[in-house]
């Protein structure tokens, strides 16, 4: 039996309460790449995605907060402009189908989390 592959997701949120906002932001920062203050890029298989969604639900108030998950083809499917686009340019580029140690998503993940991607 083969393991289901990982897919890419964009997670965006609008949280009204400062305490819930901090808790959710801190949680997502440990599991995904922050693209903006309330937008994250997550790579997960089905089980990991369900776990993340469950943890998000614990940290929000369904009556006041809004969290959205958008499946995307990959980081290169994201269009950007402005200062963040230039800062994260290496996230969107891949050379010969594989990320180099210093570039691409692997390099960005190492810079942010100081370790390899799980």
C-alpha atoms as a PDB file:
ATOM      1  CA  UNK A   1       0.000   0.000   0.000  1.00  0.00           C
ATOM      2  CA  UNK A   2       1.472   3.354  -0.990  1.00  0.00           C
ATOM      3  CA  UNK A   3       1.242   6.469   1.150  1.00  0.00           C
ATOM      4  CA  UNK A   4      -0.902   9.271  -0.223  1.00  0.00           C
ATOM      5  CA  UNK A   5       1.182  12.154  -1.545  1.00  0.00           C
ATOM      6  CA  UNK A   6       1.427  15.584  -0.054  1.00  0.00           C
ATOM      7  CA  UNK A   7      -0.420  18.484  -1.623  1.00  0.00           C
ATOM      8  CA  UNK A   8      -0.071  22.252  -1.325  1.00  0.00           C
ATOM      9  CA  UNK A   9      -2.566  24.494   0.473  1.00  0.00           C
ATOM     10  CA  UNK A  10      -2.854  28.198   1.075  1.00  0.00           C
ATOM     11  CA  UNK A  11      -4.311  29.000   4.505  1.00  0.00           C
ATOM     12  CA  UNK A  12      -5.597  32.502   5.189  1.00  0.00           C
ATOM     13  CA  UNK A  13      -7.357  33.807   8.259  1.00  0.00           C
ATOM     14  CA  UNK A  14      -9.088  36.788   9.805  1.00  0.00           C
ATOM     15  CA  UNK A  15      -9.213  36.491  13.601  1.00  0.00           C
ATOM     16  CA  UNK A  16     -10.988  39.132  15.680  1.00  0.00           C
ATOM     17  CA  UNK A  17      -9.565  38.398  19.128  1.00  0.00           C
ATOM     18  CA  UNK A  18      -5.879  39.198  19.755  1.00  0.00           C
ATOM     19  CA  UNK A  19      -5.304  36.153  21.992  1.00  0.00           C
ATOM     20  CA  UNK A  20      -6.821  33.727  19.461  1.00  0.00           C
ATOM     21  CA  UNK A  21      -4.899  35.474  16.685  1.00  0.00           C
ATOM     22  CA  UNK A  22      -1.560  34.974  18.453  1.00  0.00           C
ATOM     23  CA  UNK A  23      -2.335  31.335  19.287  1.00  0.00           C
ATOM     24  CA  UNK A  24      -3.291  30.488  15.709  1.00  0.00           C
ATOM     25  CA  UNK A  25      -0.390  32.418  14.188  1.00  0.00           C
ATOM     26  CA  UNK A  26       2.120  30.698  16.486  1.00  0.00           C
ATOM     27  CA  UNK A  27       0.652  27.268  15.686  1.00  0.00           C
ATOM     28  CA  UNK A  28       0.740  27.800  11.921  1.00  0.00           C
ATOM     29  CA  UNK A  29       4.241  29.305  12.049  1.00  0.00           C
ATOM     30  CA  UNK A  30       5.530  25.959  13.326  1.00  0.00           C
ATOM     31  CA  UNK A  31       3.824  23.950  10.577  1.00  0.00           C
ATOM     32  CA  UNK A  32       3.760  26.100   7.454  1.00  0.00           C
ATOM     33  CA  UNK A  33       5.634  28.865   5.655  1.00  0.00           C
ATOM     34  CA  UNK A  34       4.339  32.366   6.416  1.00  0.00           C
ATOM     35  CA  UNK A  35       3.786  34.324   3.218  1.00  0.00           C
ATOM     36  CA  UNK A  36       2.143  37.306   4.923  1.00  0.00           C
ATOM     37  CA  UNK A  37       0.894  38.029   8.435  1.00  0.00           C
ATOM     38  CA  UNK A  38      -2.272  35.980   7.947  1.00  0.00           C
ATOM     39  CA  UNK A  39      -1.423  33.812   4.925  1.00  0.00           C
ATOM     40  CA  UNK A  40       0.487  30.532   5.114  1.00  0.00           C
ATOM     41  CA  UNK A  41       1.660  27.912   2.649  1.00  0.00           C
ATOM     42  CA  UNK A  42       1.238  24.342   3.870  1.00  0.00           C
ATOM     43  CA  UNK A  43       2.337  21.060   2.316  1.00  0.00           C
ATOM     44  CA  UNK A  44       0.498  18.117   3.843  1.00  0.00           C
ATOM     45  CA  UNK A  45      -1.003  14.731   3.140  1.00  0.00           C
ATOM     46  CA  UNK A  46      -4.650  14.012   4.000  1.00  0.00           C
ATOM     47  CA  UNK A  47      -3.963  12.918   7.596  1.00  0.00           C
ATOM     48  CA  UNK A  48      -1.692  15.891   8.293  1.00  0.00           C
ATOM     49  CA  UNK A  49      -4.240  18.286   6.789  1.00  0.00           C
ATOM     50  CA  UNK A  50      -7.011  16.889   9.007  1.00  0.00           C
ATOM     51  CA  UNK A  51      -4.748  17.313  12.044  1.00  0.00           C
ATOM     52  CA  UNK A  52      -3.968  20.943  11.134  1.00  0.00           C
ATOM     53  CA  UNK A  53      -7.642  21.707  10.484  1.00  0.00           C
ATOM     54  CA  UNK A  54      -8.582  20.161  13.841  1.00  0.00           C
ATOM     55  CA  UNK A  55      -5.980  22.253  15.647  1.00  0.00           C
ATOM     56  CA  UNK A  56      -7.188  25.392  13.859  1.00  0.00           C
ATOM     57  CA  UNK A  57     -10.789  24.712  14.948  1.00  0.00           C
ATOM     58  CA  UNK A  58      -9.637  24.418  18.567  1.00  0.00           C
ATOM     59  CA  UNK A  59      -7.996  27.860  18.395  1.00  0.00           C
ATOM     60  CA  UNK A  60     -10.794  29.888  16.764  1.00  0.00           C
ATOM     61  CA  UNK A  61     -14.345  31.030  17.485  1.00  0.00           C
ATOM     62  CA  UNK A  62     -16.603  29.908  14.606  1.00  0.00           C
ATOM     63  CA  UNK A  63     -18.974  32.824  15.211  1.00  0.00           C
ATOM     64  CA  UNK A  64     -16.331  35.571  14.924  1.00  0.00           C
ATOM     65  CA  UNK A  65     -13.318  34.251  13.034  1.00  0.00           C
ATOM     66  CA  UNK A  66     -12.768  33.233   9.423  1.00  0.00           C
ATOM     67  CA  UNK A  67     -10.185  30.699   8.224  1.00  0.00           C
ATOM     68  CA  UNK A  68      -9.932  29.545   4.628  1.00  0.00           C
ATOM     69  CA  UNK A  69      -7.981  26.736   2.971  1.00  0.00           C
ATOM     70  CA  UNK A  70      -7.294  26.844  -0.765  1.00  0.00           C
ATOM     71  CA  UNK A  71      -5.690  23.909  -2.567  1.00  0.00           C
ATOM     72  CA  UNK A  72      -3.027  25.043  -5.025  1.00  0.00           C
ATOM     73  CA  UNK A  73      -0.922  23.225  -7.592  1.00  0.00           C
ATOM     74  CA  UNK A  74       2.332  24.332  -5.975  1.00  0.00           C
ATOM     75  CA  UNK A  75       4.224  27.396  -4.776  1.00  0.00           C
ATOM     76  CA  UNK A  76       4.809  28.485  -8.365  1.00  0.00           C
ATOM     77  CA  UNK A  77       1.013  28.848  -8.785  1.00  0.00           C
ATOM     78  CA  UNK A  78       1.113  31.898  -6.483  1.00  0.00           C
ATOM     79  CA  UNK A  79       1.490  35.268  -8.125  1.00  0.00           C
ATOM     80  CA  UNK A  80       2.985  38.095  -6.103  1.00  0.00           C
ATOM     81  CA  UNK A  81       4.053  41.711  -6.450  1.00  0.00           C
ATOM     82  CA  UNK A  82       5.734  44.145  -4.108  1.00  0.00           C
ATOM     83  CA  UNK A  83       8.344  43.725  -1.424  1.00  0.00           C
ATOM     84  CA  UNK A  84       7.191  40.277  -0.231  1.00  0.00           C
ATOM     85  CA  UNK A  85       7.296  38.882  -3.758  1.00  0.00           C
ATOM     86  CA  UNK A  86      10.965  39.793  -4.096  1.00  0.00           C
ATOM     87  CA  UNK A  87      11.806  38.423  -0.643  1.00  0.00           C
ATOM     88  CA  UNK A  88      10.158  35.064  -1.367  1.00  0.00           C
ATOM     89  CA  UNK A  89      11.155  34.720  -5.023  1.00  0.00           C
ATOM     90  CA  UNK A  90      13.216  31.594  -4.323  1.00  0.00           C
ATOM     91  CA  UNK A  91      10.095  29.904  -2.966  1.00  0.00           C
ATOM     92  CA  UNK A  92       8.539  29.900  -6.427  1.00  0.00           C
ATOM     93  CA  UNK A  93      11.531  28.775  -8.470  1.00  0.00           C
ATOM     94  CA  UNK A  94      12.950  25.298  -8.889  1.00  0.00           C
ATOM     95  CA  UNK A  95      15.918  24.242 -10.935  1.00  0.00           C
ATOM     96  CA  UNK A  96      15.702  21.007 -12.989  1.00  0.00           C
ATOM     97  CA  UNK A  97      12.718  19.741 -10.986  1.00  0.00           C
ATOM     98  CA  UNK A  98      14.638  19.549  -7.707  1.00  0.00           C
ATOM     99  CA  UNK A  99      15.296  22.190  -5.093  1.00  0.00           C
ATOM    100  CA  UNK A 100      18.882  23.060  -4.391  1.00  0.00           C
ATOM    101  CA  UNK A 101      20.179  23.214  -0.837  1.00  0.00           C
ATOM    102  CA  UNK A 102      20.215  27.006  -0.842  1.00  0.00           C
ATOM    103  CA  UNK A 103      17.227  27.760  -3.093  1.00  0.00           C
ATOM    104  CA  UNK A 104      13.641  26.751  -3.605  1.00  0.00           C
ATOM    105  CA  UNK A 105      11.246  25.648  -0.932  1.00  0.00           C
ATOM    106  CA  UNK A 106      13.779  23.408   0.810  1.00  0.00           C
ATOM    107  CA  UNK A 107      16.208  26.305   1.213  1.00  0.00           C
ATOM    108  CA  UNK A 108      13.489  28.615   2.501  1.00  0.00           C
ATOM    109  CA  UNK A 109      12.274  25.966   4.927  1.00  0.00           C
ATOM    110  CA  UNK A 110      15.815  25.500   6.277  1.00  0.00           C
ATOM    111  CA  UNK A 111      16.227  29.278   6.692  1.00  0.00           C
ATOM    112  CA  UNK A 112      12.965  29.680   8.571  1.00  0.00           C
ATOM    113  CA  UNK A 113      12.888  26.524  10.676  1.00  0.00           C
ATOM    114  CA  UNK A 114      16.639  25.739  10.885  1.00  0.00           C
ATOM    115  CA  UNK A 115      15.918  22.136   9.884  1.00  0.00           C
ATOM    116  CA  UNK A 116      14.812  19.953   6.982  1.00  0.00           C
ATOM    117  CA  UNK A 117      11.166  19.726   6.061  1.00  0.00           C
ATOM    118  CA  UNK A 118       9.387  16.721   7.685  1.00  0.00           C
END
